[in-house]
Amino acid sequence: MHGDRVLVQCMVAALLLVAVVEGTNGPIICNIALNKLGQCRSAVTGKYPPPPTNECCSLIKHANLTCLCEFKDALPALKIQPSRAFALPKKCKSNQRVPPQCKP
């Protein structure tokens, strides 16, 4: 169990490092600038999260959801509940479909 947590944390750190090296305007993962992820944080964390903000929904509408699925197992290490994260497209009334492998 502890080994799995360390592996996930190392994976997240490696992905962030790759994003920093590859992003020209700051780190970008799955079409989302990492410095803007905070706009969705309140909608995917805590016991009773509020609805996503307009800014969050704008990010979600441009996100590559298939790419984000690759990070599904790393989200809890960032204190993000995957089920809430992948519910955002519907809450934001986005036309994007969450890939089946992302659904809880």
N, C-alpha and C. Protein backbone atom coordinates (compact mmCIF):
# COMPACT_ATOMS: atom_id res chain seq x y z
N MET A 1 0.83 -1.19 0.00
CA MET A 1 0.00 0.00 0.00
C MET A 1 0.87 1.24 0.00
N HIS A 2 1.86 1.30 0.91
CA HIS A 2 2.75 2.45 0.98
C HIS A 2 3.56 2.58 -0.31
N GLY A 3 3.99 1.44 -0.86
CA GLY A 3 4.74 1.44 -2.11
C GLY A 3 3.93 2.00 -3.26
N ASP A 4 2.63 1.70 -3.29
CA ASP A 4 1.76 2.23 -4.34
C ASP A 4 1.67 3.75 -4.25
N ARG A 5 1.57 4.28 -3.04
CA ARG A 5 1.47 5.73 -2.85
C ARG A 5 2.76 6.41 -3.32
N VAL A 6 3.89 5.84 -2.99
CA VAL A 6 5.18 6.40 -3.41
C VAL A 6 5.30 6.36 -4.92
N LEU A 7 4.87 5.25 -5.52
CA LEU A 7 4.92 5.13 -6.98
C LEU A 7 4.06 6.20 -7.63
N VAL A 8 2.86 6.42 -7.14
CA VAL A 8 1.97 7.43 -7.70
C VAL A 8 2.59 8.82 -7.54
N GLN A 9 3.16 9.11 -6.39
CA GLN A 9 3.77 10.41 -6.18
C GLN A 9 4.96 10.62 -7.10
N CYS A 10 5.75 9.59 -7.31
CA CYS A 10 6.89 9.70 -8.23
C CYS A 10 6.40 9.90 -9.66
N MET A 11 5.34 9.20 -10.02
CA MET A 11 4.77 9.34 -11.35
C MET A 11 4.28 10.76 -11.58
N VAL A 12 3.58 11.33 -10.60
CA VAL A 12 3.08 12.70 -10.72
C VAL A 12 4.26 13.66 -10.85
N ALA A 13 5.29 13.49 -10.04
CA ALA A 13 6.46 14.37 -10.10
C ALA A 13 7.13 14.28 -11.47
N ALA A 14 7.25 13.07 -12.01
CA ALA A 14 7.87 12.89 -13.32
C ALA A 14 7.04 13.56 -14.41
N LEU A 15 5.73 13.41 -14.34
CA LEU A 15 4.86 14.02 -15.33
C LEU A 15 4.94 15.54 -15.27
N LEU A 16 4.99 16.07 -14.06
CA LEU A 16 5.11 17.52 -13.92
C LEU A 16 6.44 18.01 -14.48
N LEU A 17 7.51 17.25 -14.26
CA LEU A 17 8.81 17.62 -14.80
C LEU A 17 8.78 17.63 -16.32
N VAL A 18 8.19 16.61 -16.91
CA VAL A 18 8.08 16.55 -18.38
C VAL A 18 7.26 17.74 -18.87
N ALA A 19 6.18 18.08 -18.19
CA ALA A 19 5.34 19.20 -18.60
C ALA A 19 6.12 20.51 -18.53
N VAL A 20 6.93 20.68 -17.51
CA VAL A 20 7.72 21.91 -17.38
C VAL A 20 8.71 22.02 -18.52
N VAL A 21 9.35 20.91 -18.88
CA VAL A 21 10.33 20.93 -19.94
C VAL A 21 9.67 21.17 -21.30
N GLU A 22 8.50 20.59 -21.51
CA GLU A 22 7.86 20.67 -22.82
C GLU A 22 6.99 21.90 -23.01
N GLY A 23 6.43 22.46 -21.97
CA GLY A 23 5.53 23.60 -22.10
C GLY A 23 6.29 24.89 -22.38
N THR A 24 5.84 25.66 -23.37
CA THR A 24 6.52 26.91 -23.69
C THR A 24 5.99 28.07 -22.86
N ASN A 25 4.73 28.05 -22.49
CA ASN A 25 4.13 29.10 -21.67
C ASN A 25 3.83 28.57 -20.28
N GLY A 26 4.70 27.74 -19.77
CA GLY A 26 4.46 27.10 -18.49
C GLY A 26 4.04 25.68 -18.73
N PRO A 27 3.99 24.90 -17.66
CA PRO A 27 3.65 23.48 -17.82
C PRO A 27 2.20 23.29 -18.27
N ILE A 28 2.04 22.44 -19.25
CA ILE A 28 0.70 22.13 -19.80
C ILE A 28 0.57 20.62 -19.87
N ILE A 29 -0.51 20.12 -19.32
CA ILE A 29 -0.82 18.69 -19.41
C ILE A 29 -2.25 18.56 -19.91
N CYS A 30 -2.43 17.77 -20.95
CA CYS A 30 -3.76 17.47 -21.51
C CYS A 30 -4.52 18.74 -21.89
N ASN A 31 -3.81 19.69 -22.46
CA ASN A 31 -4.36 20.98 -22.91
C ASN A 31 -4.77 21.89 -21.76
N ILE A 32 -4.27 21.62 -20.56
CA ILE A 32 -4.59 22.46 -19.40
C ILE A 32 -3.28 22.98 -18.82
N ALA A 33 -3.18 24.30 -18.68
CA ALA A 33 -2.02 24.89 -18.03
C ALA A 33 -2.11 24.58 -16.54
N LEU A 34 -1.06 24.00 -16.00
CA LEU A 34 -1.07 23.59 -14.59
C LEU A 34 -1.32 24.76 -13.65
N ASN A 35 -0.87 25.95 -14.03
CA ASN A 35 -1.08 27.09 -13.14
C ASN A 35 -2.55 27.53 -13.11
N LYS A 36 -3.39 26.93 -13.94
CA LYS A 36 -4.81 27.25 -13.94
C LYS A 36 -5.68 26.16 -13.32
N LEU A 37 -5.07 25.05 -12.93
CA LEU A 37 -5.84 23.95 -12.34
C LEU A 37 -6.56 24.37 -11.07
N GLY A 38 -6.01 25.34 -10.36
CA GLY A 38 -6.64 25.82 -9.13
C GLY A 38 -8.05 26.33 -9.35
N GLN A 39 -8.36 26.70 -10.59
CA GLN A 39 -9.70 27.21 -10.89
C GLN A 39 -10.77 26.12 -10.72
N CYS A 40 -10.36 24.88 -10.75
CA CYS A 40 -11.30 23.76 -10.59
C CYS A 40 -11.15 23.05 -9.24
N ARG A 41 -10.15 23.39 -8.49
CA ARG A 41 -9.84 22.66 -7.26
C ARG A 41 -11.02 22.56 -6.31
N SER A 42 -11.72 23.66 -6.06
CA SER A 42 -12.81 23.62 -5.09
C SER A 42 -13.94 22.69 -5.55
N ALA A 43 -14.11 22.52 -6.85
CA ALA A 43 -15.20 21.69 -7.38
C ALA A 43 -14.90 20.19 -7.32
N VAL A 44 -13.66 19.83 -7.00
CA VAL A 44 -13.29 18.41 -7.01
C VAL A 44 -12.68 17.94 -5.69
N THR A 45 -12.70 18.79 -4.68
CA THR A 45 -12.15 18.43 -3.38
C THR A 45 -13.14 18.74 -2.27
N GLY A 46 -12.90 18.19 -1.11
CA GLY A 46 -13.73 18.46 0.05
C GLY A 46 -14.98 17.59 0.10
N LYS A 47 -15.67 17.70 1.22
CA LYS A 47 -16.85 16.87 1.46
C LYS A 47 -18.06 17.33 0.65
N TYR A 48 -18.27 18.64 0.56
CA TYR A 48 -19.42 19.20 -0.17
C TYR A 48 -18.92 20.27 -1.14
N PRO A 49 -18.36 19.86 -2.27
CA PRO A 49 -17.79 20.84 -3.19
C PRO A 49 -18.87 21.69 -3.87
N PRO A 50 -18.56 22.95 -4.12
CA PRO A 50 -19.49 23.81 -4.84
C PRO A 50 -19.48 23.46 -6.33
N PRO A 51 -20.45 23.98 -7.08
CA PRO A 51 -20.42 23.76 -8.53
C PRO A 51 -19.18 24.40 -9.14
N PRO A 52 -18.75 23.92 -10.30
CA PRO A 52 -17.57 24.50 -10.93
C PRO A 52 -17.85 25.94 -11.37
N THR A 53 -16.81 26.76 -11.32
CA THR A 53 -16.92 28.16 -11.75
C THR A 53 -16.91 28.23 -13.28
N ASN A 54 -17.24 29.38 -13.81
CA ASN A 54 -17.18 29.58 -15.27
C ASN A 54 -15.75 29.40 -15.78
N GLU A 55 -14.78 29.86 -14.99
CA GLU A 55 -13.37 29.72 -15.38
C GLU A 55 -12.98 28.24 -15.44
N CYS A 56 -13.43 27.48 -14.46
CA CYS A 56 -13.16 26.04 -14.44
C CYS A 56 -13.79 25.39 -15.67
N CYS A 57 -15.02 25.71 -15.95
CA CYS A 57 -15.72 25.11 -17.09
C CYS A 57 -15.04 25.45 -18.41
N SER A 58 -14.49 26.64 -18.50
CA SER A 58 -13.75 27.01 -19.71
C SER A 58 -12.53 26.11 -19.89
N LEU A 59 -11.84 25.81 -18.81
CA LEU A 59 -10.70 24.89 -18.87
C LEU A 59 -11.15 23.50 -19.30
N ILE A 60 -12.22 23.03 -18.69
CA ILE A 60 -12.70 21.67 -18.97
C ILE A 60 -13.12 21.52 -20.43
N LYS A 61 -13.72 22.53 -20.99
CA LYS A 61 -14.17 22.46 -22.38
C LYS A 61 -13.01 22.33 -23.36
N HIS A 62 -11.81 22.72 -22.94
CA HIS A 62 -10.64 22.63 -23.81
C HIS A 62 -9.71 21.47 -23.44
N ALA A 63 -10.03 20.77 -22.37
CA ALA A 63 -9.17 19.69 -21.89
C ALA A 63 -9.26 18.47 -22.80
N ASN A 64 -8.17 17.73 -22.85
CA ASN A 64 -8.13 16.47 -23.56
C ASN A 64 -8.47 15.38 -22.54
N LEU A 65 -9.73 14.96 -22.52
CA LEU A 65 -10.20 14.02 -21.50
C LEU A 65 -9.57 12.64 -21.62
N THR A 66 -9.27 12.22 -22.83
CA THR A 66 -8.61 10.93 -23.00
C THR A 66 -7.23 10.97 -22.36
N CYS A 67 -6.54 12.07 -22.55
CA CYS A 67 -5.23 12.26 -21.92
C CYS A 67 -5.37 12.28 -20.40
N LEU A 68 -6.37 12.99 -19.88
CA LEU A 68 -6.56 13.08 -18.44
C LEU A 68 -6.82 11.72 -17.81
N CYS A 69 -7.42 10.81 -18.58
CA CYS A 69 -7.66 9.46 -18.07
C CYS A 69 -6.37 8.78 -17.66
N GLU A 70 -5.30 9.09 -18.36
CA GLU A 70 -4.00 8.49 -18.05
C GLU A 70 -3.53 8.86 -16.64
N PHE A 71 -4.05 9.95 -16.10
CA PHE A 71 -3.64 10.44 -14.78
C PHE A 71 -4.65 10.13 -13.69
N LYS A 72 -5.68 9.37 -14.03
CA LYS A 72 -6.77 9.08 -13.09
C LYS A 72 -6.27 8.52 -11.76
N ASP A 73 -5.34 7.60 -11.80
CA ASP A 73 -4.85 6.99 -10.57
C ASP A 73 -3.95 7.91 -9.76
N ALA A 74 -3.45 8.96 -10.38
CA ALA A 74 -2.58 9.91 -9.67
C ALA A 74 -3.38 11.01 -8.98
N LEU A 75 -4.62 11.20 -9.36
CA LEU A 75 -5.43 12.30 -8.82
C LEU A 75 -5.56 12.27 -7.29
N PRO A 76 -5.80 11.12 -6.67
CA PRO A 76 -5.91 11.12 -5.21
C PRO A 76 -4.66 11.64 -4.50
N ALA A 77 -3.48 11.45 -5.10
CA ALA A 77 -2.26 11.98 -4.50
C ALA A 77 -2.28 13.51 -4.47
N LEU A 78 -3.08 14.10 -5.36
CA LEU A 78 -3.23 15.55 -5.40
C LEU A 78 -4.47 16.00 -4.63
N LYS A 79 -5.05 15.05 -3.87
CA LYS A 79 -6.27 15.29 -3.08
C LYS A 79 -7.47 15.65 -3.96
N ILE A 80 -7.50 15.07 -5.16
CA ILE A 80 -8.60 15.27 -6.11
C ILE A 80 -9.34 13.95 -6.23
N GLN A 81 -10.65 13.99 -6.07
CA GLN A 81 -11.46 12.79 -6.20
C GLN A 81 -11.76 12.56 -7.69
N PRO A 82 -11.26 11.46 -8.26
CA PRO A 82 -11.46 11.20 -9.69
C PRO A 82 -12.91 11.26 -10.13
N SER A 83 -13.83 10.72 -9.34
CA SER A 83 -15.25 10.73 -9.75
C SER A 83 -15.76 12.16 -9.90
N ARG A 84 -15.31 13.06 -9.04
CA ARG A 84 -15.72 14.46 -9.16
C ARG A 84 -15.04 15.14 -10.34
N ALA A 85 -13.78 14.81 -10.56
CA ALA A 85 -13.05 15.41 -11.68
C ALA A 85 -13.71 15.04 -13.01
N PHE A 86 -14.08 13.76 -13.16
CA PHE A 86 -14.66 13.34 -14.43
C PHE A 86 -16.16 13.62 -14.52
N ALA A 87 -16.73 14.19 -13.47
CA ALA A 87 -18.12 14.67 -13.53
C ALA A 87 -18.17 16.12 -14.02
N LEU A 88 -17.03 16.79 -14.06
CA LEU A 88 -17.01 18.20 -14.44
C LEU A 88 -17.54 18.47 -15.85
N PRO A 89 -17.20 17.66 -16.87
CA PRO A 89 -17.75 17.96 -18.20
C PRO A 89 -19.28 18.03 -18.21
N LYS A 90 -19.93 17.12 -17.52
CA LYS A 90 -21.40 17.14 -17.48
C LYS A 90 -21.88 18.37 -16.70
N LYS A 91 -21.26 18.65 -15.56
CA LYS A 91 -21.65 19.81 -14.76
C LYS A 91 -21.43 21.11 -15.51
N CYS A 92 -20.42 21.12 -16.38
CA CYS A 92 -20.11 22.32 -17.16
C CYS A 92 -20.88 22.38 -18.48
N LYS A 93 -21.72 21.38 -18.70
CA LYS A 93 -22.51 21.30 -19.93
C LYS A 93 -21.63 21.30 -21.17
N SER A 94 -20.52 20.57 -21.06
CA SER A 94 -19.58 20.44 -22.16
C SER A 94 -20.08 19.34 -23.10
N ASN A 95 -19.76 19.49 -24.37
CA ASN A 95 -20.13 18.47 -25.35
C ASN A 95 -19.18 17.29 -25.32
N GLN A 96 -18.08 17.43 -24.57
CA GLN A 96 -17.10 16.35 -24.50
C GLN A 96 -17.67 15.15 -23.74
N ARG A 97 -17.28 13.99 -24.18
CA ARG A 97 -17.68 12.75 -23.51
C ARG A 97 -16.49 12.21 -22.73
N VAL A 98 -16.77 11.79 -21.53
CA VAL A 98 -15.73 11.18 -20.70
C VAL A 98 -15.53 9.76 -21.21
N PRO A 99 -14.29 9.40 -21.56
CA PRO A 99 -14.03 8.04 -22.04
C PRO A 99 -14.46 7.01 -21.01
N PRO A 100 -14.95 5.86 -21.46
CA PRO A 100 -15.45 4.83 -20.54
C PRO A 100 -14.44 4.40 -19.48
N GLN A 101 -13.15 4.38 -19.82
CA GLN A 101 -12.15 3.94 -18.87
C GLN A 101 -11.96 4.95 -17.73
N CYS A 102 -12.50 6.14 -17.85
CA CYS A 102 -12.38 7.16 -16.80
C CYS A 102 -13.54 7.10 -15.82
N LYS A 103 -14.60 6.51 -16.22
CA LYS A 103 -15.79 6.50 -15.36
C LYS A 103 -15.56 5.58 -14.17
N PRO A 104 -16.02 6.04 -13.00
CA PRO A 104 -15.83 5.20 -11.80
C PRO A 104 -16.68 3.95 -11.84
